[in-house]
C-alpha atoms as a PDB file:
ATOM      1  CA  MET A   1       0.000   0.000   0.000  1.00  0.00           C
ATOM      2  CA  LYS A   2       2.834   2.380   0.901  1.00  0.00           C
ATOM      3  CA  LYS A   3       4.550   1.558  -2.397  1.00  0.00           C
ATOM      4  CA  THR A   4       1.346   2.335  -4.294  1.00  0.00           C
ATOM      5  CA  LEU A   5       0.947   5.678  -2.543  1.00  0.00           C
ATOM      6  CA  LEU A   6       4.568   6.551  -3.233  1.00  0.00           C
ATOM      7  CA  LEU A   7       4.124   5.661  -6.901  1.00  0.00           C
ATOM      8  CA  ILE A   8       0.989   7.799  -7.203  1.00  0.00           C
ATOM      9  CA  SER A   9       2.741  10.693  -5.477  1.00  0.00           C
ATOM     10  CA  ALA A  10       5.707  10.411  -7.809  1.00  0.00           C
ATOM     11  CA  ILE A  11       3.495  10.426 -10.902  1.00  0.00           C
ATOM     12  CA  ALA A  12       1.533  13.423  -9.600  1.00  0.00           C
ATOM     13  CA  PHE A  13       4.769  15.292  -8.885  1.00  0.00           C
ATOM     14  CA  LEU A  14       6.048  14.456 -12.374  1.00  0.00           C
ATOM     15  CA  PHE A  15       2.947  15.831 -14.095  1.00  0.00           C
ATOM     16  CA  THR A  16       2.945  18.929 -11.878  1.00  0.00           C
ATOM     17  CA  SER A  17       6.564  19.599 -12.749  1.00  0.00           C
ATOM     18  CA  CYS A  18       5.842  19.137 -16.449  1.00  0.00           C
ATOM     19  CA  ASP A  19       2.924  21.576 -16.262  1.00  0.00           C
ATOM     20  CA  LYS A  20       5.146  24.180 -14.599  1.00  0.00           C
ATOM     21  CA  ASP A  21       7.810  23.747 -17.255  1.00  0.00           C
ATOM     22  CA  LYS A  22       5.369  23.860 -20.163  1.00  0.00           C
ATOM     23  CA  ALA A  23       5.666  27.089 -22.140  1.00  0.00           C
ATOM     24  CA  ILE A  24       2.562  29.258 -22.381  1.00  0.00           C
ATOM     25  CA  LYS A  25       2.186  30.438 -25.964  1.00  0.00           C
ATOM     26  CA  THR A  26       1.478  34.107 -26.583  1.00  0.00           C
ATOM     27  CA  ASP A  27      -1.121  35.119 -29.156  1.00  0.00           C
ATOM     28  CA  LEU A  28      -1.189  38.806 -30.065  1.00  0.00           C
ATOM     29  CA  THR A  29      -4.483  40.340 -31.206  1.00  0.00           C
ATOM     30  CA  ILE A  30      -4.275  43.619 -33.085  1.00  0.00           C
ATOM     31  CA  ASN A  31      -7.426  45.714 -32.597  1.00  0.00           C
ATOM     32  CA  PHE A  32      -8.295  48.729 -34.738  1.00  0.00           C
ATOM     33  CA  THR A  33     -10.346  51.376 -32.948  1.00  0.00           C
ATOM     34  CA  HIS A  34     -11.657  54.791 -33.993  1.00  0.00           C
ATOM     35  CA  SER A  35     -12.369  57.942 -32.040  1.00  0.00           C
ATOM     36  CA  VAL A  36     -13.280  61.587 -32.536  1.00  0.00           C
ATOM     37  CA  ASP A  37     -11.963  64.028 -29.927  1.00  0.00           C
ATOM     38  CA  ASP A  38     -11.129  61.066 -27.661  1.00  0.00           C
ATOM     39  CA  SER A  39     -14.688  59.696 -27.763  1.00  0.00           C
ATOM     40  CA  GLU A  40     -15.770  56.484 -29.466  1.00  0.00           C
ATOM     41  CA  LEU A  41     -16.877  56.983 -33.060  1.00  0.00           C
ATOM     42  CA  ILE A  42     -20.610  57.451 -33.699  1.00  0.00           C
ATOM     43  CA  THR A  43     -21.586  57.185 -37.356  1.00  0.00           C
ATOM     44  CA  ASN A  44     -24.262  58.985 -39.369  1.00  0.00           C
ATOM     45  CA  SER A  45     -24.763  61.791 -36.873  1.00  0.00           C
ATOM     46  CA  MET A  46     -23.636  65.377 -37.557  1.00  0.00           C
ATOM     47  CA  ILE A  47     -22.104  65.934 -34.147  1.00  0.00           C
ATOM     48  CA  TYR A  48     -18.474  66.603 -35.052  1.00  0.00           C
ATOM     49  CA  THR A  49     -16.643  69.853 -35.775  1.00  0.00           C
ATOM     50  CA  ASN A  50     -13.255  70.307 -37.410  1.00  0.00           C
ATOM     51  CA  GLU A  51     -10.759  73.124 -36.829  1.00  0.00           C
ATOM     52  CA  ALA A  52     -12.386  75.094 -39.633  1.00  0.00           C
ATOM     53  CA  GLU A  53     -15.602  75.013 -37.563  1.00  0.00           C
ATOM     54  CA  GLU A  54     -17.427  72.900 -40.129  1.00  0.00           C
ATOM     55  CA  ASN A  55     -19.951  70.470 -38.684  1.00  0.00           C
ATOM     56  CA  TYR A  56     -19.759  67.001 -40.171  1.00  0.00           C
ATOM     57  CA  ASP A  57     -20.780  63.378 -39.825  1.00  0.00           C
ATOM     58  CA  ILE A  58     -18.938  60.170 -40.656  1.00  0.00           C
ATOM     59  CA  GLN A  59     -20.711  57.717 -42.901  1.00  0.00           C
ATOM     60  CA  THR A  60     -17.914  55.670 -44.465  1.00  0.00           C
ATOM     61  CA  LEU A  61     -14.409  54.755 -43.350  1.00  0.00           C
ATOM     62  CA  LYS A  62     -12.363  52.153 -45.182  1.00  0.00           C
ATOM     63  CA  TYR A  63      -8.577  51.976 -45.152  1.00  0.00           C
ATOM     64  CA  LEU A  64      -5.498  49.809 -45.642  1.00  0.00           C
ATOM     65  CA  ILE A  65      -2.719  49.264 -43.106  1.00  0.00           C
ATOM     66  CA  SER A  66       0.368  47.426 -44.321  1.00  0.00           C
ATOM     67  CA  ASP A  67       3.689  46.082 -43.012  1.00  0.00           C
ATOM     68  CA  ILE A  68       2.563  45.781 -39.393  1.00  0.00           C
ATOM     69  CA  ILE A  69       5.822  44.906 -37.614  1.00  0.00           C
ATOM     70  CA  LEU A  70       7.002  44.325 -34.047  1.00  0.00           C
ATOM     71  CA  HIS A  71      10.573  45.456 -33.377  1.00  0.00           C
ATOM     72  CA  SER A  72      12.663  43.966 -30.583  1.00  0.00           C
ATOM     73  CA  GLU A  73      15.473  45.231 -28.387  1.00  0.00           C
ATOM     74  CA  ASN A  74      18.003  42.940 -30.079  1.00  0.00           C
ATOM     75  CA  GLY A  75      17.211  44.327 -33.519  1.00  0.00           C
ATOM     76  CA  ASN A  76      15.005  41.486 -34.747  1.00  0.00           C
ATOM     77  CA  SER A  77      11.640  42.240 -36.318  1.00  0.00           C
ATOM     78  CA  LEU A  78       8.438  40.234 -36.608  1.00  0.00           C
ATOM     79  CA  LEU A  79       6.022  40.845 -39.492  1.00  0.00           C
ATOM     80  CA  LEU A  80       2.503  40.467 -38.110  1.00  0.00           C
ATOM     81  CA  ASN A  81       0.546  41.196 -41.280  1.00  0.00           C
ATOM     82  CA  GLU A  82       1.458  42.315 -44.777  1.00  0.00           C
ATOM     83  CA  VAL A  83      -1.828  44.098 -45.561  1.00  0.00           C
ATOM     84  CA  HIS A  84      -4.973  44.503 -43.458  1.00  0.00           C
ATOM     85  CA  PHE A  85      -8.211  46.124 -44.614  1.00  0.00           C
ATOM     86  CA  ILE A  86     -10.516  47.873 -42.128  1.00  0.00           C
ATOM     87  CA  ASP A  87     -14.124  48.832 -42.873  1.00  0.00           C
ATOM     88  CA  ILE A  88     -16.166  50.395 -40.052  1.00  0.00           C
ATOM     89  CA  SER A  89     -19.323  48.793 -41.464  1.00  0.00           C
ATOM     90  CA  ASP A  90     -17.830  45.305 -40.953  1.00  0.00           C
ATOM     91  CA  GLU A  91     -16.770  44.389 -37.406  1.00  0.00           C
ATOM     92  CA  SER A  92     -14.933  41.305 -38.647  1.00  0.00           C
ATOM     93  CA  THR A  93     -12.254  43.648 -40.039  1.00  0.00           C
ATOM     94  CA  PHE A  94     -11.608  45.311 -36.674  1.00  0.00           C
ATOM     95  CA  SER A  95      -8.955  42.809 -35.550  1.00  0.00           C
ATOM     96  CA  PHE A  96      -6.664  39.952 -36.450  1.00  0.00           C
ATOM     97  CA  THR A  97      -4.549  37.601 -34.329  1.00  0.00           C
ATOM     98  CA  TYR A  98      -0.924  36.557 -34.749  1.00  0.00           C
ATOM     99  CA  ASN A  99      -0.384  33.197 -33.039  1.00  0.00           C
ATOM    100  CA  ASP A 100       2.712  32.070 -31.128  1.00  0.00           C
ATOM    101  CA  VAL A 101       4.687  35.289 -30.840  1.00  0.00           C
ATOM    102  CA  PRO A 102       8.361  34.359 -30.268  1.00  0.00           C
ATOM    103  CA  ASN A 103       9.980  35.208 -26.944  1.00  0.00           C
ATOM    104  CA  ASN A 104      11.631  38.612 -27.045  1.00  0.00           C
ATOM    105  CA  ASP A 105      11.617  42.107 -25.599  1.00  0.00           C
ATOM    106  CA  TYR A 106       9.574  44.121 -28.095  1.00  0.00           C
ATOM    107  CA  THR A 107      10.184  47.846 -27.899  1.00  0.00           C
ATOM    108  CA  SER A 108       8.167  49.303 -30.787  1.00  0.00           C
ATOM    109  CA  ILE A 109       5.499  48.609 -33.375  1.00  0.00           C
ATOM    110  CA  SER A 110       5.377  50.117 -36.845  1.00  0.00           C
ATOM    111  CA  PHE A 111       3.047  50.087 -39.810  1.00  0.00           C
ATOM    112  CA  ASP A 112       2.370  51.897 -43.063  1.00  0.00           C
ATOM    113  CA  MET A 113      -0.804  53.868 -43.571  1.00  0.00           C
ATOM    114  CA  GLY A 114      -1.764  52.804 -47.083  1.00  0.00           C
ATOM    115  CA  LEU A 115       0.526  50.992 -49.510  1.00  0.00           C
ATOM    116  CA  ASP A 116       4.010  52.072 -50.539  1.00  0.00           C
ATOM    117  CA  THR A 117       5.020  52.094 -54.214  1.00  0.00           C
ATOM    118  CA  ALA A 118       6.269  48.495 -54.068  1.00  0.00           C
ATOM    119  CA  ARG A 119       2.776  47.291 -53.137  1.00  0.00           C
ATOM    120  CA  ASN A 120       0.511  49.925 -54.656  1.00  0.00           C
ATOM    121  CA  ILE A 121       0.206  48.263 -58.053  1.00  0.00           C
ATOM    122  CA  SER A 122      -3.009  47.826 -60.019  1.00  0.00           C
ATOM    123  CA  ASN A 123      -4.490  44.326 -59.686  1.00  0.00           C
ATOM    124  CA  LYS A 124      -1.854  43.187 -57.191  1.00  0.00           C
ATOM    125  CA  TYR A 125      -4.604  42.261 -54.730  1.00  0.00           C
ATOM    126  CA  VAL A 126      -7.256  41.130 -57.187  1.00  0.00           C
ATOM    127  CA  ASN A 127      -8.119  38.147 -54.959  1.00  0.00           C
ATOM    128  CA  GLU A 128      -8.563  40.235 -51.804  1.00  0.00           C
ATOM    129  CA  ASP A 129     -11.949  41.441 -50.547  1.00  0.00           C
ATOM    130  CA  PHE A 130     -10.873  45.071 -50.779  1.00  0.00           C
ATOM    131  CA  HIS A 131      -9.798  44.935 -54.438  1.00  0.00           C
ATOM    132  CA  THR A 132     -13.001  46.280 -55.971  1.00  0.00           C
ATOM    133  CA  THR A 133     -13.944  48.836 -53.325  1.00  0.00           C
ATOM    134  CA  MET A 134     -10.419  50.285 -52.917  1.00  0.00           C
ATOM    135  CA  TYR A 135      -9.305  50.269 -56.541  1.00  0.00           C
ATOM    136  CA  TRP A 136      -7.715  53.574 -57.649  1.00  0.00           C
ATOM    137  CA  PRO A 137      -8.488  54.673 -61.239  1.00  0.00           C
ATOM    138  CA  GLU A 138      -5.706  54.153 -63.771  1.00  0.00           C
ATOM    139  CA  PRO A 139      -5.879  57.739 -65.147  1.00  0.00           C
ATOM    140  CA  ASN A 140      -5.088  58.987 -61.622  1.00  0.00           C
ATOM    141  CA  GLY A 141      -2.094  56.696 -61.128  1.00  0.00           C
ATOM    142  CA  GLY A 142      -3.613  53.247 -60.578  1.00  0.00           C
ATOM    143  CA  GLY A 143      -3.118  50.977 -57.586  1.00  0.00           C
ATOM    144  CA  TYR A 144      -5.401  51.276 -54.562  1.00  0.00           C
ATOM    145  CA  HIS A 145      -6.936  53.858 -52.261  1.00  0.00           C
ATOM    146  CA  TYR A 146      -5.225  54.119 -48.906  1.00  0.00           C
ATOM    147  CA  MET A 147      -8.403  55.420 -47.314  1.00  0.00           C
ATOM    148  CA  LYS A 148     -12.002  56.321 -48.103  1.00  0.00           C
ATOM    149  CA  PHE A 149     -13.305  58.703 -45.439  1.00  0.00           C
ATOM    150  CA  GLU A 150     -16.724  60.071 -46.384  1.00  0.00           C
ATOM    151  CA  GLY A 151     -19.727  61.887 -44.975  1.00  0.00           C
ATOM    152  CA  ALA A 152     -21.707  65.120 -45.081  1.00  0.00           C
ATOM    153  CA  TYR A 153     -20.811  68.545 -43.742  1.00  0.00           C
ATOM    154  CA  ASN A 154     -22.849  71.592 -42.767  1.00  0.00           C
ATOM    155  CA  ASN A 155     -26.032  69.930 -44.038  1.00  0.00           C
ATOM    156  CA  ASP A 156     -27.260  66.533 -45.172  1.00  0.00           C
ATOM    157  CA  SER A 157     -26.821  67.278 -48.864  1.00  0.00           C
ATOM    158  CA  THR A 158     -23.261  68.659 -48.916  1.00  0.00           C
ATOM    159  CA  PHE A 159     -20.701  65.866 -48.988  1.00  0.00           C
ATOM    160  CA  TYR A 160     -16.976  65.405 -48.487  1.00  0.00           C
ATOM    161  CA  ASN A 161     -14.924  62.515 -49.863  1.00  0.00           C
ATOM    162  CA  THR A 162     -11.450  62.219 -48.359  1.00  0.00           C
ATOM    163  CA  HIS A 163      -9.944  59.642 -50.709  1.00  0.00           C
ATOM    164  CA  THR A 164      -6.199  59.255 -50.175  1.00  0.00           C
ATOM    165  CA  GLY A 165      -3.886  57.296 -52.443  1.00  0.00           C
ATOM    166  CA  GLY A 166      -1.091  57.469 -54.982  1.00  0.00           C
ATOM    167  CA  THR A 167      -2.244  60.585 -56.833  1.00  0.00           C
ATOM    168  CA  MET A 168      -0.580  60.668 -60.266  1.00  0.00           C
ATOM    169  CA  GLY A 169       1.654  57.800 -59.156  1.00  0.00           C
ATOM    170  CA  ALA A 170       3.203  59.686 -56.213  1.00  0.00           C
ATOM    171  CA  ASP A 171       3.556  57.945 -52.849  1.00  0.00           C
ATOM    172  CA  TYR A 172       1.502  59.536 -50.084  1.00  0.00           C
ATOM    173  CA  SER A 173       1.619  56.583 -47.726  1.00  0.00           C
ATOM    174  CA  PHE A 174       3.577  57.005 -44.499  1.00  0.00           C
ATOM    175  CA  ASN A 175       5.260  54.860 -41.893  1.00  0.00           C
ATOM    176  CA  TYR A 176       4.163  55.214 -38.274  1.00  0.00           C
ATOM    177  CA  VAL A 177       6.289  53.997 -35.348  1.00  0.00           C
ATOM    178  CA  GLU A 178       5.347  53.939 -31.670  1.00  0.00           C
ATOM    179  CA  ASN A 179       7.413  52.745 -28.727  1.00  0.00           C
ATOM    180  CA  ILE A 180       5.870  49.972 -26.653  1.00  0.00           C
ATOM    181  CA  SER A 181       6.934  47.680 -23.820  1.00  0.00           C
ATOM    182  CA  LEU A 182       6.087  44.034 -24.457  1.00  0.00           C
ATOM    183  CA  THR A 183       8.141  41.171 -23.062  1.00  0.00           C
ATOM    184  CA  VAL A 184       7.186  37.692 -24.261  1.00  0.00           C
ATOM    185  CA  ASP A 185       8.810  35.036 -22.069  1.00  0.00           C
ATOM    186  CA  ASN A 186       6.775  31.796 -22.065  1.00  0.00           C
ATOM    187  CA  ASP A 187       4.547  33.105 -19.290  1.00  0.00           C
ATOM    188  CA  LEU A 188       2.530  35.923 -20.788  1.00  0.00           C
ATOM    189  CA  GLY A 189      -0.590  34.429 -22.356  1.00  0.00           C
ATOM    190  CA  ASN A 190      -2.761  36.427 -24.745  1.00  0.00           C
ATOM    191  CA  VAL A 191      -2.053  40.097 -25.403  1.00  0.00           C
ATOM    192  CA  SER A 192      -3.832  42.870 -27.315  1.00  0.00           C
ATOM    193  CA  ALA A 193      -2.371  45.848 -29.143  1.00  0.00           C
ATOM    194  CA  ASN A 194      -4.914  48.575 -29.834  1.00  0.00           C
ATOM    195  CA  ILE A 195      -4.234  50.825 -32.810  1.00  0.00           C
ATOM    196  CA  ASN A 196      -6.505  53.847 -32.576  1.00  0.00           C
ATOM    197  CA  MET A 197      -7.274  56.335 -35.344  1.00  0.00           C
ATOM    198  CA  GLU A 198      -8.266  59.801 -34.070  1.00  0.00           C
ATOM    199  CA  LEU A 199     -10.387  60.869 -37.015  1.00  0.00           C
ATOM    200  CA  ASN A 200     -10.683  64.618 -36.460  1.00  0.00           C
ATOM    201  CA  ASN A 201      -6.902  64.948 -36.522  1.00  0.00           C
ATOM    202  CA  TRP A 202      -6.763  64.184 -40.235  1.00  0.00           C
ATOM    203  CA  TYR A 203      -8.009  67.745 -40.733  1.00  0.00           C
ATOM    204  CA  ASN A 204      -6.415  69.710 -37.912  1.00  0.00           C
ATOM    205  CA  SER A 205      -2.646  69.782 -37.444  1.00  0.00           C
ATOM    206  CA  PRO A 206      -0.211  70.927 -38.687  1.00  0.00           C
ATOM    207  CA  ASN A 207      -2.470  71.719 -41.657  1.00  0.00           C
ATOM    208  CA  GLN A 208      -6.018  72.957 -41.176  1.00  0.00           C
ATOM    209  CA  ILE A 209      -8.073  71.403 -43.948  1.00  0.00           C
ATOM    210  CA  GLU A 210     -11.544  72.631 -44.815  1.00  0.00           C
ATOM    211  CA  PHE A 211     -14.047  70.361 -46.484  1.00  0.00           C
ATOM    212  CA  SER A 212     -15.226  73.341 -48.509  1.00  0.00           C
ATOM    213  CA  SER A 213     -11.691  73.826 -49.874  1.00  0.00           C
ATOM    214  CA  TYR A 214     -11.715  70.634 -51.923  1.00  0.00           C
ATOM    215  CA  GLY A 215     -15.387  70.041 -52.616  1.00  0.00           C
ATOM    216  CA  MET A 216     -16.398  66.492 -53.428  1.00  0.00           C
ATOM    217  CA  GLY A 217     -12.936  64.941 -53.609  1.00  0.00           C
ATOM    218  CA  ILE A 218      -9.141  65.208 -53.489  1.00  0.00           C
ATOM    219  CA  MET A 219      -8.053  62.413 -55.820  1.00  0.00           C
ATOM    220  CA  MET A 220      -6.232  64.793 -58.188  1.00  0.00           C
ATOM    221  CA  ASN A 221      -5.203  67.347 -55.560  1.00  0.00           C
ATOM    222  CA  MET A 222      -1.553  66.626 -54.762  1.00  0.00           C
ATOM    223  CA  MET A 223      -1.244  69.492 -52.261  1.00  0.00           C
ATOM    224  CA  ILE A 224      -4.185  68.285 -50.145  1.00  0.00           C
ATOM    225  CA  GLN A 225      -2.885  64.707 -50.371  1.00  0.00           C
ATOM    226  CA  MET A 226       0.457  65.906 -48.986  1.00  0.00           C
ATOM    227  CA  ASN A 227      -1.189  67.961 -46.225  1.00  0.00           C
ATOM    228  CA  ILE A 228      -3.340  65.030 -45.113  1.00  0.00           C
ATOM    229  CA  GLN A 229      -0.274  62.785 -45.172  1.00  0.00           C
ATOM    230  CA  MET A 230       1.512  65.233 -42.850  1.00  0.00           C
ATOM    231  CA  ASN A 231      -1.478  65.451 -40.516  1.00  0.00           C
ATOM    232  CA  GLY A 232      -1.807  61.678 -40.433  1.00  0.00           C
ATOM    233  CA  ASN A 233       1.798  61.182 -39.440  1.00  0.00           C
ATOM    234  CA  THR A 234       1.520  63.809 -36.686  1.00  0.00           C
ATOM    235  CA  ASP A 235      -1.169  62.655 -34.278  1.00  0.00           C
ATOM    236  CA  VAL A 236      -3.834  60.531 -35.969  1.00  0.00           C
ATOM    237  CA  PHE A 237      -2.581  57.186 -34.635  1.00  0.00           C
ATOM    238  CA  SER A 238      -1.776  55.880 -31.169  1.00  0.00           C
ATOM    239  CA  VAL A 239      -1.049  52.411 -29.788  1.00  0.00           C
ATOM    240  CA  THR A 240      -1.749  50.860 -26.404  1.00  0.00           C
ATOM    241  CA  ILE A 241      -0.935  47.380 -25.105  1.00  0.00           C
ATOM    242  CA  ASP A 242      -3.330  45.313 -22.947  1.00  0.00           C
ATOM    243  CA  LYS A 243      -1.683  42.373 -21.197  1.00  0.00           C
END
């Protein structure tokens, strides 16, 4: 009887030890969130005001984020996703998960808003869901829209269409980098990184952009494309980590 108890105890100890030594995989979920003046986005309601004191609503927001990369202290990088499409009318596009993140001390995350010239090629993503809706007309340079941000301003019948992309073949995408603190060490479990887009800031700083200044669209307006690019790389995006 004593031998049996000793054997059971030994087996239990062995399994307990194995459980303690077993690595806990880390899955990283990237969430895309949207706010206006630090409040959660509300669509189809003319409750927002830009720096030009124009009232506006937000009806459509579709955009492409590419080259989402984690950077580590030792100089290694981890590509999380080559291209991700977000559409505020489709909650399934609000996140994706990268499974089994390797152990490392990650110190920053970076991504491109839109597609750089190496990727922004007509029909390159013909098999992707966003191909048709984000296609950029060939006479205007071809490739894909970076973003479609649309709604009405001042009244329900005056519309703005902030369509960013490679106007006349120029590259108006930009790379965003934010420092983070994320140590993956076999004992972390699941983690979330929240990439927030502060929508009003597309129009505010350093360039004040009026909807009335470009009418229905900006697809051929290289100056406005450049100004929006500058604003976007200033304070539109932020990243937080939830462990």
